[in-house]
C-alpha cells in the first residue's frame, strides 16, 4: 500500500515553514515507511498556487518547495483509466441522496485505488502538524 499526498498537506507544510524533508519525515512517523506519491492533479494545483502568488517572494518560495518535492516524490499520472474510474465514482456518488463531495475526491480515490489518502478533514492516518488550511468547495449534486 502507498500514500497519495493531497495538495493541502503540501501547502500546509510549505506555509508552515517546513522543508520537504521535514514534511516527509512527519508523514513517515504518522503512517509508516511506505511509497508516497503526488497525483498529477495535485501537482497541477500546487503549480497553480505558484502562479497565483501575489508577491515574488511567495512565488519563489512555493516554486522552490515544489521543485524539492519533485526530486523526492514520484508524480502518479492521471491516465485514461483513472479518468474513467473517477467519472464512475463521481457519478455513482452523485446519485446518493444528500451526498456532498467534490470531484477532486473522486479523482484521488480512483488515482489511488488501494492507497490511503491524506486529507486534513478526511484522513485515515493522523497528521496533526498539517491541518487543512481551508475547505474545498463541494457541489450539491442531489436533484440535479
C-alpha atoms as a PDB file:
ATOM      1  CA  UNK A   1       0.000   0.000   0.000  1.00  0.00           C
ATOM      2  CA  UNK A   2       1.133   3.563  -0.543  1.00  0.00           C
ATOM      3  CA  UNK A   3       0.127   7.145   0.065  1.00  0.00           C
ATOM      4  CA  UNK A   4      -1.058   9.836  -2.315  1.00  0.00           C
ATOM      5  CA  UNK A   5      -0.338  13.252  -0.875  1.00  0.00           C
ATOM      6  CA  UNK A   6      -3.189  15.718  -1.032  1.00  0.00           C
ATOM      7  CA  UNK A   7      -2.107  19.171  -2.149  1.00  0.00           C
ATOM      8  CA  UNK A   8      -3.494  20.662   1.084  1.00  0.00           C
ATOM      9  CA  UNK A   9      -0.922  18.669   3.091  1.00  0.00           C
ATOM     10  CA  UNK A  10       1.906  20.025   0.936  1.00  0.00           C
ATOM     11  CA  UNK A  11       0.529  23.569   1.042  1.00  0.00           C
ATOM     12  CA  UNK A  12       0.215  23.489   4.837  1.00  0.00           C
ATOM     13  CA  UNK A  13       3.813  22.282   5.188  1.00  0.00           C
ATOM     14  CA  UNK A  14       5.143  24.999   2.876  1.00  0.00           C
ATOM     15  CA  UNK A  15       3.101  27.720   4.569  1.00  0.00           C
ATOM     16  CA  UNK A  16       4.185  26.426   7.964  1.00  0.00           C
ATOM     17  CA  UNK A  17       7.837  26.936   7.071  1.00  0.00           C
ATOM     18  CA  UNK A  18       8.805  23.271   6.872  1.00  0.00           C
ATOM     19  CA  UNK A  19      11.005  21.933   4.122  1.00  0.00           C
ATOM     20  CA  UNK A  20      10.166  18.796   2.135  1.00  0.00           C
ATOM     21  CA  UNK A  21      12.419  16.569   4.240  1.00  0.00           C
ATOM     22  CA  UNK A  22      10.684  17.673   7.438  1.00  0.00           C
ATOM     23  CA  UNK A  23       7.254  17.139   5.895  1.00  0.00           C
ATOM     24  CA  UNK A  24       8.113  13.658   4.645  1.00  0.00           C
ATOM     25  CA  UNK A  25       9.640  12.661   8.000  1.00  0.00           C
ATOM     26  CA  UNK A  26       6.445  13.647   9.793  1.00  0.00           C
ATOM     27  CA  UNK A  27       4.369  11.709   7.275  1.00  0.00           C
ATOM     28  CA  UNK A  28       6.555   8.614   7.730  1.00  0.00           C
ATOM     29  CA  UNK A  29       6.300   8.986  11.509  1.00  0.00           C
ATOM     30  CA  UNK A  30       2.498   9.133  11.274  1.00  0.00           C
ATOM     31  CA  UNK A  31       1.903   6.490   8.605  1.00  0.00           C
ATOM     32  CA  UNK A  32       4.948   4.263   8.466  1.00  0.00           C
ATOM     33  CA  UNK A  33       7.590   3.987   5.787  1.00  0.00           C
ATOM     34  CA  UNK A  34       5.789   3.345   2.525  1.00  0.00           C
ATOM     35  CA  UNK A  35       5.742   4.598  -1.032  1.00  0.00           C
ATOM     36  CA  UNK A  36       4.482   8.186  -1.158  1.00  0.00           C
ATOM     37  CA  UNK A  37       3.424   9.853  -4.403  1.00  0.00           C
ATOM     38  CA  UNK A  38       1.750  13.029  -5.571  1.00  0.00           C
ATOM     39  CA  UNK A  39      -1.065  12.816  -8.098  1.00  0.00           C
ATOM     40  CA  UNK A  40      -0.695  14.762 -11.317  1.00  0.00           C
ATOM     41  CA  UNK A  41      -3.925  16.590 -10.403  1.00  0.00           C
ATOM     42  CA  UNK A  42      -2.355  17.567  -7.066  1.00  0.00           C
ATOM     43  CA  UNK A  43       0.750  18.793  -8.854  1.00  0.00           C
ATOM     44  CA  UNK A  44      -1.438  20.936 -11.096  1.00  0.00           C
ATOM     45  CA  UNK A  45      -2.988  22.524  -8.003  1.00  0.00           C
ATOM     46  CA  UNK A  46       0.425  23.212  -6.495  1.00  0.00           C
ATOM     47  CA  UNK A  47       1.754  24.800  -9.688  1.00  0.00           C
ATOM     48  CA  UNK A  48      -1.430  26.886  -9.884  1.00  0.00           C
ATOM     49  CA  UNK A  49      -0.503  28.229  -6.440  1.00  0.00           C
ATOM     50  CA  UNK A  50       2.916  29.324  -7.670  1.00  0.00           C
ATOM     51  CA  UNK A  51       1.461  31.484 -10.429  1.00  0.00           C
ATOM     52  CA  UNK A  52      -1.365  32.724  -8.250  1.00  0.00           C
ATOM     53  CA  UNK A  53       1.003  34.143  -5.636  1.00  0.00           C
ATOM     54  CA  UNK A  54       0.778  37.912  -5.432  1.00  0.00           C
ATOM     55  CA  UNK A  55       4.316  38.509  -4.202  1.00  0.00           C
ATOM     56  CA  UNK A  56       7.512  37.425  -5.951  1.00  0.00           C
ATOM     57  CA  UNK A  57       8.894  36.125  -2.642  1.00  0.00           C
ATOM     58  CA  UNK A  58       5.931  33.785  -2.137  1.00  0.00           C
ATOM     59  CA  UNK A  59       6.113  32.658  -5.764  1.00  0.00           C
ATOM     60  CA  UNK A  60       9.801  31.838  -5.419  1.00  0.00           C
ATOM     61  CA  UNK A  61       9.316  30.014  -2.090  1.00  0.00           C
ATOM     62  CA  UNK A  62       6.483  27.891  -3.495  1.00  0.00           C
ATOM     63  CA  UNK A  63       8.417  27.117  -6.661  1.00  0.00           C
ATOM     64  CA  UNK A  64      11.470  26.004  -4.660  1.00  0.00           C
ATOM     65  CA  UNK A  65       9.355  23.838  -2.369  1.00  0.00           C
ATOM     66  CA  UNK A  66       7.632  22.094  -5.260  1.00  0.00           C
ATOM     67  CA  UNK A  67      10.902  21.535  -7.121  1.00  0.00           C
ATOM     68  CA  UNK A  68      12.389  19.984  -3.969  1.00  0.00           C
ATOM     69  CA  UNK A  69       9.274  17.833  -3.578  1.00  0.00           C
ATOM     70  CA  UNK A  70       9.546  16.606  -7.172  1.00  0.00           C
ATOM     71  CA  UNK A  71      13.117  15.471  -6.502  1.00  0.00           C
ATOM     72  CA  UNK A  72      11.877  13.229  -3.672  1.00  0.00           C
ATOM     73  CA  UNK A  73       8.365  12.147  -4.676  1.00  0.00           C
ATOM     74  CA  UNK A  74       7.078  10.447  -7.809  1.00  0.00           C
ATOM     75  CA  UNK A  75       4.129  12.013  -9.637  1.00  0.00           C
ATOM     76  CA  UNK A  76       1.365   9.485 -10.243  1.00  0.00           C
ATOM     77  CA  UNK A  77      -0.158  10.003 -13.707  1.00  0.00           C
ATOM     78  CA  UNK A  78      -3.766  10.821 -14.450  1.00  0.00           C
ATOM     79  CA  UNK A  79      -4.471   8.219 -17.103  1.00  0.00           C
ATOM     80  CA  UNK A  80      -7.452   7.423 -19.271  1.00  0.00           C
ATOM     81  CA  UNK A  81      -8.260   4.547 -16.924  1.00  0.00           C
ATOM     82  CA  UNK A  82      -8.078   6.889 -13.933  1.00  0.00           C
ATOM     83  CA  UNK A  83     -10.408   9.369 -15.664  1.00  0.00           C
ATOM     84  CA  UNK A  84     -12.932   6.627 -16.426  1.00  0.00           C
ATOM     85  CA  UNK A  85     -12.866   5.390 -12.845  1.00  0.00           C
ATOM     86  CA  UNK A  86     -13.088   8.930 -11.401  1.00  0.00           C
ATOM     87  CA  UNK A  87     -16.130   9.669 -13.561  1.00  0.00           C
ATOM     88  CA  UNK A  88     -17.764   6.419 -12.449  1.00  0.00           C
ATOM     89  CA  UNK A  89     -17.134   7.117  -8.749  1.00  0.00           C
ATOM     90  CA  UNK A  90     -18.339  10.723  -9.090  1.00  0.00           C
ATOM     91  CA  UNK A  91     -21.475   9.728 -10.978  1.00  0.00           C
ATOM     92  CA  UNK A  92     -22.386   6.931  -8.576  1.00  0.00           C
ATOM     93  CA  UNK A  93     -21.869   9.110  -5.524  1.00  0.00           C
ATOM     94  CA  UNK A  94     -23.856  11.972  -7.043  1.00  0.00           C
ATOM     95  CA  UNK A  95     -26.953   9.775  -7.184  1.00  0.00           C
ATOM     96  CA  UNK A  96     -26.893   9.135  -3.423  1.00  0.00           C
ATOM     97  CA  UNK A  97     -29.338  11.478  -1.624  1.00  0.00           C
ATOM     98  CA  UNK A  98     -27.635  14.153   0.444  1.00  0.00           C
ATOM     99  CA  UNK A  99     -24.153  13.178  -0.690  1.00  0.00           C
ATOM    100  CA  UNK A 100     -21.881  16.218  -0.766  1.00  0.00           C
ATOM    101  CA  UNK A 101     -18.494  15.534  -2.261  1.00  0.00           C
ATOM    102  CA  UNK A 102     -16.017  17.054  -4.625  1.00  0.00           C
ATOM    103  CA  UNK A 103     -14.996  15.696  -7.974  1.00  0.00           C
ATOM    104  CA  UNK A 104     -11.393  16.052  -6.779  1.00  0.00           C
ATOM    105  CA  UNK A 105     -12.006  13.424  -4.121  1.00  0.00           C
ATOM    106  CA  UNK A 106     -13.281  11.069  -6.820  1.00  0.00           C
ATOM    107  CA  UNK A 107     -10.118  11.709  -8.826  1.00  0.00           C
ATOM    108  CA  UNK A 108      -7.873  10.996  -5.856  1.00  0.00           C
ATOM    109  CA  UNK A 109      -9.841   7.886  -4.911  1.00  0.00           C
ATOM    110  CA  UNK A 110      -9.531   6.493  -8.413  1.00  0.00           C
ATOM    111  CA  UNK A 111      -5.922   7.594  -8.808  1.00  0.00           C
ATOM    112  CA  UNK A 112      -5.021   5.912  -5.552  1.00  0.00           C
ATOM    113  CA  UNK A 113      -7.162   2.817  -5.673  1.00  0.00           C
ATOM    114  CA  UNK A 114      -5.769   0.734  -2.837  1.00  0.00           C
ATOM    115  CA  UNK A 115      -3.849   3.682  -1.387  1.00  0.00           C
ATOM    116  CA  UNK A 116      -4.532   5.686   1.711  1.00  0.00           C
ATOM    117  CA  UNK A 117      -5.395   9.321   1.156  1.00  0.00           C
ATOM    118  CA  UNK A 118      -4.058  12.173   3.226  1.00  0.00           C
ATOM    119  CA  UNK A 119      -6.780  14.758   3.771  1.00  0.00           C
ATOM    120  CA  UNK A 120      -6.841  17.135   6.667  1.00  0.00           C
ATOM    121  CA  UNK A 121     -10.579  16.640   7.165  1.00  0.00           C
ATOM    122  CA  UNK A 122     -10.924  13.043   5.948  1.00  0.00           C
ATOM    123  CA  UNK A 123      -7.719  11.261   6.794  1.00  0.00           C
ATOM    124  CA  UNK A 124      -7.085   7.725   7.826  1.00  0.00           C
ATOM    125  CA  UNK A 125      -3.595   8.484   9.052  1.00  0.00           C
ATOM    126  CA  UNK A 126      -3.488  11.410  11.521  1.00  0.00           C
ATOM    127  CA  UNK A 127      -1.194  14.261  10.572  1.00  0.00           C
ATOM    128  CA  UNK A 128      -1.831  16.861  13.272  1.00  0.00           C
ATOM    129  CA  UNK A 129       1.120  19.008  12.212  1.00  0.00           C
ATOM    130  CA  UNK A 130      -0.538  19.696   8.850  1.00  0.00           C
ATOM    131  CA  UNK A 131      -4.138  20.793   9.326  1.00  0.00           C
ATOM    132  CA  UNK A 132      -6.123  21.514   6.214  1.00  0.00           C
ATOM    133  CA  UNK A 133      -5.667  25.238   5.541  1.00  0.00           C
ATOM    134  CA  UNK A 134      -9.131  25.695   4.025  1.00  0.00           C
ATOM    135  CA  UNK A 135     -12.130  23.681   2.931  1.00  0.00           C
ATOM    136  CA  UNK A 136     -12.588  22.864  -0.719  1.00  0.00           C
ATOM    137  CA  UNK A 137     -15.813  23.929  -2.346  1.00  0.00           C
ATOM    138  CA  UNK A 138     -18.110  20.987  -2.838  1.00  0.00           C
ATOM    139  CA  UNK A 139     -21.073  20.544  -5.094  1.00  0.00           C
ATOM    140  CA  UNK A 140     -24.577  19.658  -4.048  1.00  0.00           C
ATOM    141  CA  UNK A 141     -25.478  17.249  -6.766  1.00  0.00           C
ATOM    142  CA  UNK A 142     -28.720  15.974  -5.333  1.00  0.00           C
ATOM    143  CA  UNK A 143     -31.724  16.577  -7.508  1.00  0.00           C
ATOM    144  CA  UNK A 144     -29.588  17.660 -10.472  1.00  0.00           C
END
